[in-house]
C-alpha atoms as a PDB file:
ATOM      1  CA  MET A   1      44.685 -59.254  21.121  1.00  0.00           C
ATOM      2  CA  GLU A   2      41.221 -57.665  21.193  1.00  0.00           C
ATOM      3  CA  THR A   3      38.387 -59.332  19.332  1.00  0.00           C
ATOM      4  CA  TYR A   4      36.018 -57.408  17.082  1.00  0.00           C
ATOM      5  CA  SER A   5      33.219 -55.380  18.554  1.00  0.00           C
ATOM      6  CA  SER A   6      31.075 -52.979  16.521  1.00  0.00           C
ATOM      7  CA  LYS A   7      32.474 -49.453  16.716  1.00  0.00           C
ATOM      8  CA  ILE A   8      31.763 -47.800  13.381  1.00  0.00           C
ATOM      9  CA  ASP A   9      28.631 -45.757  14.005  1.00  0.00           C
ATOM     10  CA  ARG A  10      28.953 -42.519  12.063  1.00  0.00           C
ATOM     11  CA  ILE A  11      28.017 -43.260   8.443  1.00  0.00           C
ATOM     12  CA  ASP A  12      25.722 -40.457   7.248  1.00  0.00           C
ATOM     13  CA  GLY A  13      23.669 -41.302   4.177  1.00  0.00           C
ATOM     14  CA  ASN A  14      22.804 -37.624   3.657  1.00  0.00           C
ATOM     15  CA  SER A  15      26.396 -36.373   3.720  1.00  0.00           C
ATOM     16  CA  ARG A  16      28.056 -35.031   0.576  1.00  0.00           C
ATOM     17  CA  LEU A  17      31.194 -36.904   1.674  1.00  0.00           C
ATOM     18  CA  PRO A  18      31.472 -40.264  -0.120  1.00  0.00           C
ATOM     19  CA  LYS A  19      30.594 -43.189   2.119  1.00  0.00           C
ATOM     20  CA  TYR A  20      33.960 -44.887   1.602  1.00  0.00           C
ATOM     21  CA  ARG A  21      35.635 -41.704   2.836  1.00  0.00           C
ATOM     22  CA  GLN A  22      33.352 -41.684   5.897  1.00  0.00           C
ATOM     23  CA  VAL A  23      34.464 -45.239   6.676  1.00  0.00           C
ATOM     24  CA  ILE A  24      38.129 -44.193   6.412  1.00  0.00           C
ATOM     25  CA  ASN A  25      37.650 -41.117   8.597  1.00  0.00           C
ATOM     26  CA  THR A  26      35.725 -43.026  11.243  1.00  0.00           C
ATOM     27  CA  ILE A  27      38.359 -45.744  11.557  1.00  0.00           C
ATOM     28  CA  LEU A  28      41.186 -43.186  11.695  1.00  0.00           C
ATOM     29  CA  GLU A  29      39.356 -41.189  14.355  1.00  0.00           C
ATOM     30  CA  GLU A  30      38.725 -44.265  16.473  1.00  0.00           C
ATOM     31  CA  ILE A  31      42.367 -45.324  16.194  1.00  0.00           C
ATOM     32  CA  ASN A  32      43.427 -41.849  17.311  1.00  0.00           C
ATOM     33  CA  GLN A  33      40.986 -42.120  20.232  1.00  0.00           C
ATOM     34  CA  GLU A  34      42.498 -45.563  21.008  1.00  0.00           C
ATOM     35  CA  LEU A  35      39.154 -47.281  20.556  1.00  0.00           C
ATOM     36  CA  PHE A  36      41.109 -49.446  18.136  1.00  0.00           C
ATOM     37  CA  LYS A  37      44.684 -50.071  19.254  1.00  0.00           C
ATOM     38  CA  PRO A  38      47.643 -51.612  17.403  1.00  0.00           C
ATOM     39  CA  GLY A  39      46.931 -55.296  17.027  1.00  0.00           C
ATOM     40  CA  ASP A  40      43.156 -54.962  17.351  1.00  0.00           C
ATOM     41  CA  ARG A  41      40.895 -56.536  14.774  1.00  0.00           C
ATOM     42  CA  ILE A  42      38.576 -54.108  12.982  1.00  0.00           C
ATOM     43  CA  PRO A  43      35.252 -55.042  11.347  1.00  0.00           C
ATOM     44  CA  SER A  44      35.635 -57.146   8.229  1.00  0.00           C
ATOM     45  CA  ILE A  45      34.443 -55.882   4.866  1.00  0.00           C
ATOM     46  CA  ASN A  46      31.349 -58.086   5.047  1.00  0.00           C
ATOM     47  CA  GLU A  47      30.583 -57.143   8.656  1.00  0.00           C
ATOM     48  CA  THR A  48      30.739 -53.416   7.930  1.00  0.00           C
ATOM     49  CA  SER A  49      28.827 -53.798   4.673  1.00  0.00           C
ATOM     50  CA  GLU A  50      25.975 -55.765   6.288  1.00  0.00           C
ATOM     51  CA  GLU A  51      25.658 -53.746   9.474  1.00  0.00           C
ATOM     52  CA  TYR A  52      25.542 -50.334   7.795  1.00  0.00           C
ATOM     53  CA  TYR A  53      23.850 -51.267   4.522  1.00  0.00           C
ATOM     54  CA  LEU A  54      26.902 -50.306   2.483  1.00  0.00           C
ATOM     55  CA  SER A  55      27.927 -52.009  -0.716  1.00  0.00           C
ATOM     56  CA  ARG A  56      30.849 -54.367  -0.394  1.00  0.00           C
ATOM     57  CA  ASP A  57      32.685 -52.311  -3.053  1.00  0.00           C
ATOM     58  CA  THR A  58      32.351 -49.167  -0.912  1.00  0.00           C
ATOM     59  CA  VAL A  59      33.882 -50.787   2.166  1.00  0.00           C
ATOM     60  CA  GLU A  60      36.528 -52.564   0.118  1.00  0.00           C
ATOM     61  CA  LYS A  61      37.594 -49.244  -1.415  1.00  0.00           C
ATOM     62  CA  ALA A  62      37.981 -47.735   2.064  1.00  0.00           C
ATOM     63  CA  TYR A  63      39.967 -50.679   3.404  1.00  0.00           C
ATOM     64  CA  LYS A  64      42.197 -50.721   0.335  1.00  0.00           C
ATOM     65  CA  GLU A  65      43.158 -47.065   0.918  1.00  0.00           C
ATOM     66  CA  LEU A  66      43.773 -47.717   4.617  1.00  0.00           C
ATOM     67  CA  SER A  67      45.998 -50.647   3.669  1.00  0.00           C
ATOM     68  CA  LEU A  68      47.953 -48.580   1.126  1.00  0.00           C
ATOM     69  CA  ARG A  69      48.516 -45.939   3.797  1.00  0.00           C
ATOM     70  CA  GLY A  70      49.884 -48.569   6.176  1.00  0.00           C
ATOM     71  CA  ILE A  71      47.096 -48.124   8.713  1.00  0.00           C
ATOM     72  CA  ILE A  72      45.722 -51.672   8.571  1.00  0.00           C
ATOM     73  CA  SER A  73      46.879 -55.060   7.307  1.00  0.00           C
ATOM     74  CA  SER A  74      44.982 -58.109   6.140  1.00  0.00           C
ATOM     75  CA  ILE A  75      45.806 -61.494   7.617  1.00  0.00           C
ATOM     76  CA  PRO A  76      44.401 -64.220   5.336  1.00  0.00           C
ATOM     77  CA  GLY A  77      41.640 -66.180   7.015  1.00  0.00           C
ATOM     78  CA  LYS A  78      41.558 -63.915  10.070  1.00  0.00           C
ATOM     79  CA  GLY A  79      40.609 -60.398   8.972  1.00  0.00           C
ATOM     80  CA  PHE A  80      41.944 -56.841   9.154  1.00  0.00           C
ATOM     81  CA  TYR A  81      44.114 -55.599  12.001  1.00  0.00           C
ATOM     82  CA  VAL A  82      45.498 -52.224  13.063  1.00  0.00           C
ATOM     83  CA  ASN A  83      49.210 -52.024  12.355  1.00  0.00           C
ATOM     84  CA  GLY A  84      51.725 -51.396  15.108  1.00  0.00           C
ATOM     85  CA  ASN A  85      53.977 -48.319  15.384  1.00  0.00           C
ATOM     86  CA  LEU A  86      51.488 -46.118  13.534  1.00  0.00           C
ATOM     87  CA  GLU A  87      52.195 -42.485  12.851  1.00  0.00           C
ATOM     88  CA  ILE A  88      48.643 -41.388  12.106  1.00  0.00           C
ATOM     89  CA  ALA A  89      48.476 -38.642  14.668  1.00  0.00           C
ATOM     90  CA  LYS A  90      49.566 -36.229  11.916  1.00  0.00           C
ATOM     91  CA  LEU A  91      46.919 -33.530  11.617  1.00  0.00           C
ATOM     92  CA  LYS A  92      45.131 -33.063   8.304  1.00  0.00           C
ATOM     93  CA  VAL A  93      44.640 -29.381   7.448  1.00  0.00           C
ATOM     94  CA  LEU A  94      42.680 -27.894   4.565  1.00  0.00           C
ATOM     95  CA  VAL A  95      43.619 -24.305   3.659  1.00  0.00           C
ATOM     96  CA  ILE A  96      41.189 -22.247   1.547  1.00  0.00           C
ATOM     97  CA  PHE A  97      42.390 -18.769   0.501  1.00  0.00           C
ATOM     98  CA  ASP A  98      40.607 -16.098  -1.512  1.00  0.00           C
ATOM     99  CA  LYS A  99      43.434 -15.623  -4.005  1.00  0.00           C
ATOM    100  CA  LEU A 100      47.098 -16.453  -4.474  1.00  0.00           C
ATOM    101  CA  THR A 101      49.127 -13.310  -3.779  1.00  0.00           C
ATOM    102  CA  THR A 102      52.654 -12.657  -2.569  1.00  0.00           C
ATOM    103  CA  HIS A 103      51.289 -11.907   0.886  1.00  0.00           C
ATOM    104  CA  ASN A 104      49.122 -15.016   1.039  1.00  0.00           C
ATOM    105  CA  LYS A 105      52.106 -17.121   0.021  1.00  0.00           C
ATOM    106  CA  VAL A 106      53.983 -15.717   3.022  1.00  0.00           C
ATOM    107  CA  ILE A 107      51.069 -16.657   5.311  1.00  0.00           C
ATOM    108  CA  TYR A 108      50.847 -20.144   3.830  1.00  0.00           C
ATOM    109  CA  ASN A 109      54.603 -20.784   3.991  1.00  0.00           C
ATOM    110  CA  ALA A 110      54.735 -19.644   7.628  1.00  0.00           C
ATOM    111  CA  LEU A 111      51.783 -21.893   8.471  1.00  0.00           C
ATOM    112  CA  VAL A 112      53.336 -24.955   6.825  1.00  0.00           C
ATOM    113  CA  LYS A 113      56.801 -24.305   8.260  1.00  0.00           C
ATOM    114  CA  THR A 114      55.467 -23.891  11.808  1.00  0.00           C
ATOM    115  CA  LEU A 115      53.286 -27.004  11.562  1.00  0.00           C
ATOM    116  CA  GLY A 116      56.321 -28.929  10.346  1.00  0.00           C
ATOM    117  CA  ASN A 117      55.938 -32.691  10.164  1.00  0.00           C
ATOM    118  CA  LYS A 118      53.041 -32.661  12.619  1.00  0.00           C
ATOM    119  CA  ALA A 119      50.503 -31.936   9.884  1.00  0.00           C
ATOM    120  CA  SER A 120      49.771 -32.557   6.238  1.00  0.00           C
ATOM    121  CA  VAL A 121      48.301 -29.547   4.434  1.00  0.00           C
ATOM    122  CA  ASN A 122      46.150 -29.318   1.312  1.00  0.00           C
ATOM    123  CA  PHE A 123      45.630 -25.960  -0.374  1.00  0.00           C
ATOM    124  CA  ASN A 124      42.748 -24.435  -2.355  1.00  0.00           C
ATOM    125  CA  VAL A 125      41.976 -20.958  -3.762  1.00  0.00           C
ATOM    126  CA  HIS A 126      38.331 -19.909  -4.247  1.00  0.00           C
ATOM    127  CA  GLN A 127      39.012 -16.746  -6.315  1.00  0.00           C
ATOM    128  CA  TYR A 128      35.735 -15.196  -5.035  1.00  0.00           C
ATOM    129  CA  ASP A 129      33.755 -17.990  -6.702  1.00  0.00           C
ATOM    130  CA  PHE A 130      31.076 -18.755  -4.112  1.00  0.00           C
ATOM    131  CA  LYS A 131      29.973 -22.025  -5.692  1.00  0.00           C
ATOM    132  CA  TYR A 132      33.550 -23.323  -5.741  1.00  0.00           C
ATOM    133  CA  PHE A 133      33.992 -22.170  -2.134  1.00  0.00           C
ATOM    134  CA  GLU A 134      30.773 -23.915  -1.103  1.00  0.00           C
ATOM    135  CA  ASP A 135      31.681 -27.162  -2.861  1.00  0.00           C
ATOM    136  CA  THR A 136      35.218 -27.168  -1.457  1.00  0.00           C
ATOM    137  CA  VAL A 137      33.982 -26.822   2.120  1.00  0.00           C
ATOM    138  CA  LEU A 138      30.968 -29.134   1.934  1.00  0.00           C
ATOM    139  CA  ASP A 139      32.673 -31.860  -0.094  1.00  0.00           C
ATOM    140  CA  ASN A 140      35.447 -32.051   2.488  1.00  0.00           C
ATOM    141  CA  LEU A 141      33.438 -31.960   5.700  1.00  0.00           C
ATOM    142  CA  GLY A 142      34.647 -34.717   7.993  1.00  0.00           C
ATOM    143  CA  THR A 143      37.854 -35.238   6.027  1.00  0.00           C
ATOM    144  CA  TYR A 144      40.147 -32.808   7.859  1.00  0.00           C
ATOM    145  CA  ASP A 145      41.076 -31.988  11.442  1.00  0.00           C
ATOM    146  CA  TYR A 146      41.227 -28.248  10.690  1.00  0.00           C
ATOM    147  CA  TYR A 147      39.796 -25.950   8.054  1.00  0.00           C
ATOM    148  CA  VAL A 148      41.847 -22.755   7.700  1.00  0.00           C
ATOM    149  CA  VAL A 149      39.735 -20.332   5.688  1.00  0.00           C
ATOM    150  CA  MET A 150      40.345 -16.871   4.280  1.00  0.00           C
ATOM    151  CA  PRO A 151      36.727 -16.196   3.283  1.00  0.00           C
ATOM    152  CA  HIS A 152      37.073 -12.770   1.683  1.00  0.00           C
ATOM    153  CA  PHE A 153      34.246 -11.851  -0.616  1.00  0.00           C
ATOM    154  CA  TYR A 154      33.348  -8.246  -1.445  1.00  0.00           C
ATOM    155  CA  ASP A 155      30.736  -8.447   1.286  1.00  0.00           C
ATOM    156  CA  PHE A 156      30.989 -10.999   4.052  1.00  0.00           C
ATOM    157  CA  ARG A 157      27.783 -12.512   2.776  1.00  0.00           C
ATOM    158  CA  TYR A 158      25.142 -14.333   4.741  1.00  0.00           C
ATOM    159  CA  ASP A 159      25.534 -17.429   2.579  1.00  0.00           C
ATOM    160  CA  VAL A 160      29.285 -17.543   3.304  1.00  0.00           C
ATOM    161  CA  CYS A 161      28.519 -17.648   7.018  1.00  0.00           C
ATOM    162  CA  GLN A 162      25.963 -20.394   6.489  1.00  0.00           C
ATOM    163  CA  ILE A 163      28.625 -22.541   4.839  1.00  0.00           C
ATOM    164  CA  LEU A 164      31.192 -21.827   7.565  1.00  0.00           C
ATOM    165  CA  LYS A 165      28.664 -22.747  10.255  1.00  0.00           C
ATOM    166  CA  LYS A 166      28.617 -26.284   8.866  1.00  0.00           C
ATOM    167  CA  VAL A 167      32.245 -26.702   9.891  1.00  0.00           C
ATOM    168  CA  PRO A 168      32.538 -27.767  13.555  1.00  0.00           C
ATOM    169  CA  ALA A 169      33.681 -24.716  15.520  1.00  0.00           C
ATOM    170  CA  ASN A 170      36.575 -26.623  17.078  1.00  0.00           C
ATOM    171  CA  LYS A 171      37.921 -27.354  13.574  1.00  0.00           C
ATOM    172  CA  LEU A 172      37.478 -23.899  12.014  1.00  0.00           C
ATOM    173  CA  LEU A 173      40.211 -21.256  11.911  1.00  0.00           C
ATOM    174  CA  ILE A 174      39.497 -18.030  10.028  1.00  0.00           C
ATOM    175  CA  LEU A 175      42.303 -15.813   8.767  1.00  0.00           C
ATOM    176  CA  ASP A 176      42.532 -12.092   8.099  1.00  0.00           C
ATOM    177  CA  LYS A 177      38.981 -11.033   8.941  1.00  0.00           C
ATOM    178  CA  LYS A 178      36.742 -11.498  11.980  1.00  0.00           C
ATOM    179  CA  PRO A 179      33.203 -11.940  10.629  1.00  0.00           C
ATOM    180  CA  LYS A 180      30.631 -10.449  12.994  1.00  0.00           C
ATOM    181  CA  ALA A 181      27.861 -12.605  11.566  1.00  0.00           C
ATOM    182  CA  LEU A 182      29.638 -15.778  12.641  1.00  0.00           C
ATOM    183  CA  THR A 183      28.892 -16.208  16.340  1.00  0.00           C
ATOM    184  CA  ASN A 184      30.110 -19.718  17.180  1.00  0.00           C
ATOM    185  CA  ASN A 185      33.305 -20.249  19.135  1.00  0.00           C
ATOM    186  CA  TYR A 186      35.800 -20.569  16.276  1.00  0.00           C
ATOM    187  CA  ALA A 187      39.472 -19.594  16.212  1.00  0.00           C
ATOM    188  CA  CYS A 188      40.584 -16.510  14.293  1.00  0.00           C
ATOM    189  CA  VAL A 189      43.722 -14.509  13.449  1.00  0.00           C
ATOM    190  CA  TYR A 190      42.469 -11.205  12.096  1.00  0.00           C
ATOM    191  CA  GLN A 191      43.168  -7.627  11.111  1.00  0.00           C
ATOM    192  CA  ASP A 192      41.095  -4.734  12.386  1.00  0.00           C
ATOM    193  CA  TYR A 193      41.310  -3.008   9.025  1.00  0.00           C
ATOM    194  CA  SER A 194      39.714   0.317   9.887  1.00  0.00           C
ATOM    195  CA  LYS A 195      41.393   0.966  13.243  1.00  0.00           C
ATOM    196  CA  ASP A 196      44.734  -0.515  12.164  1.00  0.00           C
ATOM    197  CA  LEU A 197      44.948   1.744   9.138  1.00  0.00           C
ATOM    198  CA  GLU A 198      43.851   4.848  11.041  1.00  0.00           C
ATOM    199  CA  LYS A 199      46.388   4.254  13.811  1.00  0.00           C
ATOM    200  CA  ALA A 200      49.232   3.530  11.376  1.00  0.00           C
ATOM    201  CA  LEU A 201      48.515   6.680   9.353  1.00  0.00           C
ATOM    202  CA  PHE A 202      48.548   8.781  12.531  1.00  0.00           C
ATOM    203  CA  SER A 203      51.985   7.330  13.309  1.00  0.00           C
ATOM    204  CA  ALA A 204      53.101   8.858   9.986  1.00  0.00           C
ATOM    205  CA  LEU A 205      51.399  12.226  10.566  1.00  0.00           C
ATOM    206  CA  ASP A 206      54.737  14.032  10.903  1.00  0.00           C
ATOM    207  CA  LEU A 207      55.516  12.972   7.324  1.00  0.00           C
ATOM    208  CA  LEU A 208      52.023  13.394   5.874  1.00  0.00           C
ATOM    209  CA  GLN A 209      51.545  16.962   7.098  1.00  0.00           C
ATOM    210  CA  LYS A 210      53.749  18.315   4.326  1.00  0.00           C
ATOM    211  CA  TYR A 211      51.230  17.120   1.712  1.00  0.00           C
ATOM    212  CA  ARG A 212      48.095  19.120   0.946  1.00  0.00           C
ATOM    213  CA  LYS A 213      46.060  16.150  -0.306  1.00  0.00           C
ATOM    214  CA  ILE A 214      46.098  12.354   0.054  1.00  0.00           C
ATOM    215  CA  TYR A 215      44.563   9.877  -2.383  1.00  0.00           C
ATOM    216  CA  LEU A 216      43.563   6.319  -1.605  1.00  0.00           C
ATOM    217  CA  VAL A 217      43.929   4.235  -4.756  1.00  0.00           C
ATOM    218  CA  TYR A 218      41.284   1.569  -4.097  1.00  0.00           C
ATOM    219  CA  PRO A 219      40.650  -0.701  -7.108  1.00  0.00           C
ATOM    220  CA  LYS A 220      37.056  -1.600  -7.896  1.00  0.00           C
ATOM    221  CA  SER A 221      38.012  -4.839  -9.608  1.00  0.00           C
ATOM    222  CA  ILE A 222      39.775  -6.345  -6.566  1.00  0.00           C
ATOM    223  CA  GLN A 223      37.866  -7.249  -3.440  1.00  0.00           C
ATOM    224  CA  TYR A 224      39.640  -5.394  -0.661  1.00  0.00           C
ATOM    225  CA  PRO A 225      37.753  -4.974   2.633  1.00  0.00           C
ATOM    226  CA  ARG A 226      35.593  -1.857   2.732  1.00  0.00           C
ATOM    227  CA  GLU A 227      36.896  -1.095   6.224  1.00  0.00           C
ATOM    228  CA  ILE A 228      40.116   0.150   4.608  1.00  0.00           C
ATOM    229  CA  ARG A 229      38.178   3.043   3.094  1.00  0.00           C
ATOM    230  CA  VAL A 230      36.534   3.746   6.444  1.00  0.00           C
ATOM    231  CA  GLY A 231      39.862   3.911   8.272  1.00  0.00           C
ATOM    232  CA  PHE A 232      41.332   6.152   5.582  1.00  0.00           C
ATOM    233  CA  ARG A 233      38.409   8.593   5.722  1.00  0.00           C
ATOM    234  CA  ASN A 234      38.461   8.654   9.527  1.00  0.00           C
ATOM    235  CA  PHE A 235      42.141   9.524   9.574  1.00  0.00           C
ATOM    236  CA  CYS A 236      41.803  12.312   7.008  1.00  0.00           C
ATOM    237  CA  HIS A 237      38.836  13.835   8.838  1.00  0.00           C
ATOM    238  CA  ASP A 238      40.539  13.709  12.227  1.00  0.00           C
ATOM    239  CA  ALA A 239      43.871  14.975  10.854  1.00  0.00           C
ATOM    240  CA  ASP A 240      42.097  17.672   8.816  1.00  0.00           C
ATOM    241  CA  ILE A 241      43.799  16.604   5.576  1.00  0.00           C
ATOM    242  CA  ASP A 242      42.096  16.897   2.174  1.00  0.00           C
ATOM    243  CA  TYR A 243      41.573  13.521   0.531  1.00  0.00           C
ATOM    244  CA  ASP A 244      39.960  11.615  -2.313  1.00  0.00           C
ATOM    245  CA  LEU A 245      39.333   8.005  -3.330  1.00  0.00           C
ATOM    246  CA  ILE A 246      40.226   6.848  -6.820  1.00  0.00           C
ATOM    247  CA  SER A 247      40.145   3.397  -8.390  1.00  0.00           C
ATOM    248  CA  SER A 248      43.301   3.666 -10.498  1.00  0.00           C
ATOM    249  CA  THR A 249      46.319   5.852 -11.215  1.00  0.00           C
ATOM    250  CA  GLU A 250      45.752   5.495 -14.958  1.00  0.00           C
ATOM    251  CA  ASN A 251      44.114   8.884 -15.554  1.00  0.00           C
ATOM    252  CA  ILE A 252      45.806  10.772 -12.729  1.00  0.00           C
ATOM    253  CA  ILE A 253      48.550  13.334 -13.285  1.00  0.00           C
ATOM    254  CA  PRO A 254      50.240  13.791  -9.891  1.00  0.00           C
ATOM    255  CA  GLN A 255      50.838  17.324  -8.651  1.00  0.00           C
ATOM    256  CA  LYS A 256      53.368  18.696  -6.198  1.00  0.00           C
ATOM    257  CA  GLY A 257      52.127  18.318  -2.625  1.00  0.00           C
ATOM    258  CA  GLU A 258      50.070  15.172  -3.207  1.00  0.00           C
ATOM    259  CA  ALA A 259      50.479  11.752  -1.581  1.00  0.00           C
ATOM    260  CA  PHE A 260      49.038   8.411  -2.664  1.00  0.00           C
ATOM    261  CA  LEU A 261      48.195   5.387  -0.541  1.00  0.00           C
ATOM    262  CA  ILE A 262      48.233   2.580  -3.114  1.00  0.00           C
ATOM    263  CA  MET A 263      46.872  -0.963  -2.823  1.00  0.00           C
ATOM    264  CA  GLU A 264      48.361  -2.609  -5.930  1.00  0.00           C
ATOM    265  CA  GLU A 265      51.989  -2.828  -7.132  1.00  0.00           C
ATOM    266  CA  PRO A 266      51.248  -1.851 -10.778  1.00  0.00           C
ATOM    267  CA  ASP A 267      49.732   1.430  -9.549  1.00  0.00           C
ATOM    268  CA  ILE A 268      52.875   2.120  -7.507  1.00  0.00           C
ATOM    269  CA  ILE A 269      55.086   1.634 -10.562  1.00  0.00           C
ATOM    270  CA  ASN A 270      52.744   3.774 -12.655  1.00  0.00           C
ATOM    271  CA  MET A 271      52.821   6.588 -10.090  1.00  0.00           C
ATOM    272  CA  ILE A 272      56.615   6.504  -9.910  1.00  0.00           C
ATOM    273  CA  LYS A 273      56.810   6.855 -13.709  1.00  0.00           C
ATOM    274  CA  LYS A 274      54.336   9.715 -13.717  1.00  0.00           C
ATOM    275  CA  GLY A 275      56.172  11.459 -10.913  1.00  0.00           C
ATOM    276  CA  ARG A 276      59.416  11.307 -12.867  1.00  0.00           C
ATOM    277  CA  LYS A 277      57.677  12.652 -15.950  1.00  0.00           C
ATOM    278  CA  GLN A 278      56.351  15.586 -13.899  1.00  0.00           C
ATOM    279  CA  LYS A 279      59.856  16.069 -12.424  1.00  0.00           C
ATOM    280  CA  LEU A 280      58.519  15.509  -8.919  1.00  0.00           C
ATOM    281  CA  GLU A 281      60.907  14.271  -6.243  1.00  0.00           C
ATOM    282  CA  ILE A 282      59.401  11.261  -4.507  1.00  0.00           C
ATOM    283  CA  GLY A 283      59.381  11.675  -0.736  1.00  0.00           C
ATOM    284  CA  LYS A 284      59.455  15.454  -1.012  1.00  0.00           C
ATOM    285  CA  ASP A 285      57.117  16.699  -3.753  1.00  0.00           C
ATOM    286  CA  LEU A 286      55.190  13.443  -4.194  1.00  0.00           C
ATOM    287  CA  GLY A 287      54.391  10.942  -1.453  1.00  0.00           C
ATOM    288  CA  ILE A 288      53.840   7.228  -2.044  1.00  0.00           C
ATOM    289  CA  ILE A 289      52.677   4.672   0.531  1.00  0.00           C
ATOM    290  CA  SER A 290      52.219   0.994  -0.248  1.00  0.00           C
ATOM    291  CA  TYR A 291      49.387  -0.900   1.416  1.00  0.00           C
ATOM    292  CA  ASN A 292      51.037  -4.194   2.397  1.00  0.00           C
ATOM    293  CA  ASP A 293      54.794  -4.498   2.368  1.00  0.00           C
ATOM    294  CA  ASN A 294      56.867  -6.629   0.010  1.00  0.00           C
ATOM    295  CA  PRO A 295      60.545  -7.033  -0.956  1.00  0.00           C
ATOM    296  CA  MET A 296      60.144  -4.660  -3.910  1.00  0.00           C
ATOM    297  CA  ASN A 297      59.391  -1.806  -1.515  1.00  0.00           C
ATOM    298  CA  GLU A 298      62.847  -2.094   0.020  1.00  0.00           C
ATOM    299  CA  ILE A 299      64.730  -1.326  -3.199  1.00  0.00           C
ATOM    300  CA  VAL A 300      62.495   0.770  -5.501  1.00  0.00           C
ATOM    301  CA  GLU A 301      63.166   4.537  -5.325  1.00  0.00           C
ATOM    302  CA  ASN A 302      65.446   4.034  -2.314  1.00  0.00           C
ATOM    303  CA  GLY A 303      62.554   2.510  -0.406  1.00  0.00           C
ATOM    304  CA  ILE A 304      58.744   2.747  -0.494  1.00  0.00           C
ATOM    305  CA  THR A 305      57.003   3.489   2.801  1.00  0.00           C
ATOM    306  CA  ALA A 306      54.487   0.771   3.646  1.00  0.00           C
ATOM    307  CA  LEU A 307      51.548   0.049   5.927  1.00  0.00           C
ATOM    308  CA  SER A 308      51.296  -3.656   6.535  1.00  0.00           C
ATOM    309  CA  THR A 309      50.120  -6.461   8.712  1.00  0.00           C
ATOM    310  CA  ASP A 310      52.738  -9.058   9.627  1.00  0.00           C
ATOM    311  CA  HIS A 311      51.818 -11.812   7.199  1.00  0.00           C
ATOM    312  CA  TYR A 312      54.440 -14.257   8.459  1.00  0.00           C
ATOM    313  CA  LYS A 313      53.239 -13.763  12.024  1.00  0.00           C
ATOM    314  CA  MET A 314      49.667 -14.507  10.915  1.00  0.00           C
ATOM    315  CA  GLY A 315      50.709 -17.890   9.543  1.00  0.00           C
ATOM    316  CA  GLN A 316      52.804 -18.673  12.619  1.00  0.00           C
ATOM    317  CA  THR A 317      49.977 -17.786  14.998  1.00  0.00           C
ATOM    318  CA  ALA A 318      47.476 -19.883  13.064  1.00  0.00           C
ATOM    319  CA  ALA A 319      49.794 -22.907  13.170  1.00  0.00           C
ATOM    320  CA  ASP A 320      50.399 -22.465  16.892  1.00  0.00           C
ATOM    321  CA  MET A 321      46.650 -22.387  17.518  1.00  0.00           C
ATOM    322  CA  ILE A 322      46.229 -25.624  15.560  1.00  0.00           C
ATOM    323  CA  LEU A 323      49.079 -27.411  17.312  1.00  0.00           C
ATOM    324  CA  HIS A 324      47.887 -26.384  20.776  1.00  0.00           C
ATOM    325  CA  LYS A 325      44.130 -26.579  20.061  1.00  0.00           C
ATOM    326  CA  LYS A 326      43.543 -22.943  20.948  1.00  0.00           C
ATOM    327  CA  ARG A 327      40.180 -21.356  20.140  1.00  0.00           C
ATOM    328  CA  GLN A 328      41.064 -17.699  20.470  1.00  0.00           C
ATOM    329  CA  LYS A 329      40.539 -14.602  18.372  1.00  0.00           C
ATOM    330  CA  VAL A 330      43.936 -12.981  17.979  1.00  0.00           C
ATOM    331  CA  LYS A 331      44.539  -9.573  16.414  1.00  0.00           C
ATOM    332  CA  ASN A 332      47.552  -9.678  14.110  1.00  0.00           C
ATOM    333  CA  PRO A 333      50.201  -6.897  14.332  1.00  0.00           C
ATOM    334  CA  PHE A 334      49.899  -3.983  11.883  1.00  0.00           C
ATOM    335  CA  TYR A 335      52.579  -1.334  11.512  1.00  0.00           C
ATOM    336  CA  LEU A 336      54.157   1.475   9.517  1.00  0.00           C
ATOM    337  CA  VAL A 337      57.474   0.856   7.761  1.00  0.00           C
ATOM    338  CA  ARG A 338      59.181   4.221   7.238  1.00  0.00           C
ATOM    339  CA  ARG A 339      61.183   4.582   4.056  1.00  0.00           C
ATOM    340  CA  ASN A 340      62.155   7.385   1.709  1.00  0.00           C
ATOM    341  CA  SER A 341      58.980   7.675  -0.389  1.00  0.00           C
ATOM    342  CA  LEU A 342      57.175   9.765   2.237  1.00  0.00           C
END
């Protein structure tokens, strides 16, 4: 049985992470690195408190949590020892999404399912609140093995990058967007919004050519990537199709020979109602394309054509990168789903 030797050496007085949590994380990391092995004695509460100028209450709080989690045990009169047969190799993953949507739920569920029992996952949503995003990241630095972040803000702001740079590159995995301003060697599963959309629309050119004008319904109140507008414009210019951008279908009366690429489900329903009122046959007189696919698109109006990334695949790929410690930048599949609305 190994006797105590000082190993805790990473208590940062300037960190936003509580000191008791730093003690916990350091001991867990050193057990995982086999610096402390089952049966080894770890520093006592007094030893750790005196050597690192921590209050006894702080160290006691850390050791109490480690004991409750079954990591260490106290032997009266002898000290604290690492338990045998530990299962602490389970990865700790923090997921931070921009918002909770149907598509993000698919990504999250695929991530969790693929990780299985090899990881524990905590979930947060920043809802475009930068201060909340900042606090969530900074308050949890050093607590998790991986930080899976969907950092969508209307602009990929400089201050967002500054926060992400504080996460060690080997622990950061960004989803859905590859930020150019972030240059360190992080992992990423991303969409190439502009080129993906342009390519997918060209794959539907045989259907779109029967329409004289295409509208992109791009809401101002929801923070979709601007590259979507770029890809849409590029396609229309190259295909020589008249187009326009609108923020809502509310004040639009659809005309025969028009098609609408729509971002939000309520606008799709609204356009279907308006088309019926105008006695326009959907898929012939009036075209509707959904941006992002969902189960509703399979059954409404005998099927709504969709342009979509593979959200389940994104979650699977992210989990695989975590499990195998890959630091790649992987482009997620994007495709056209042909149905009767075009």
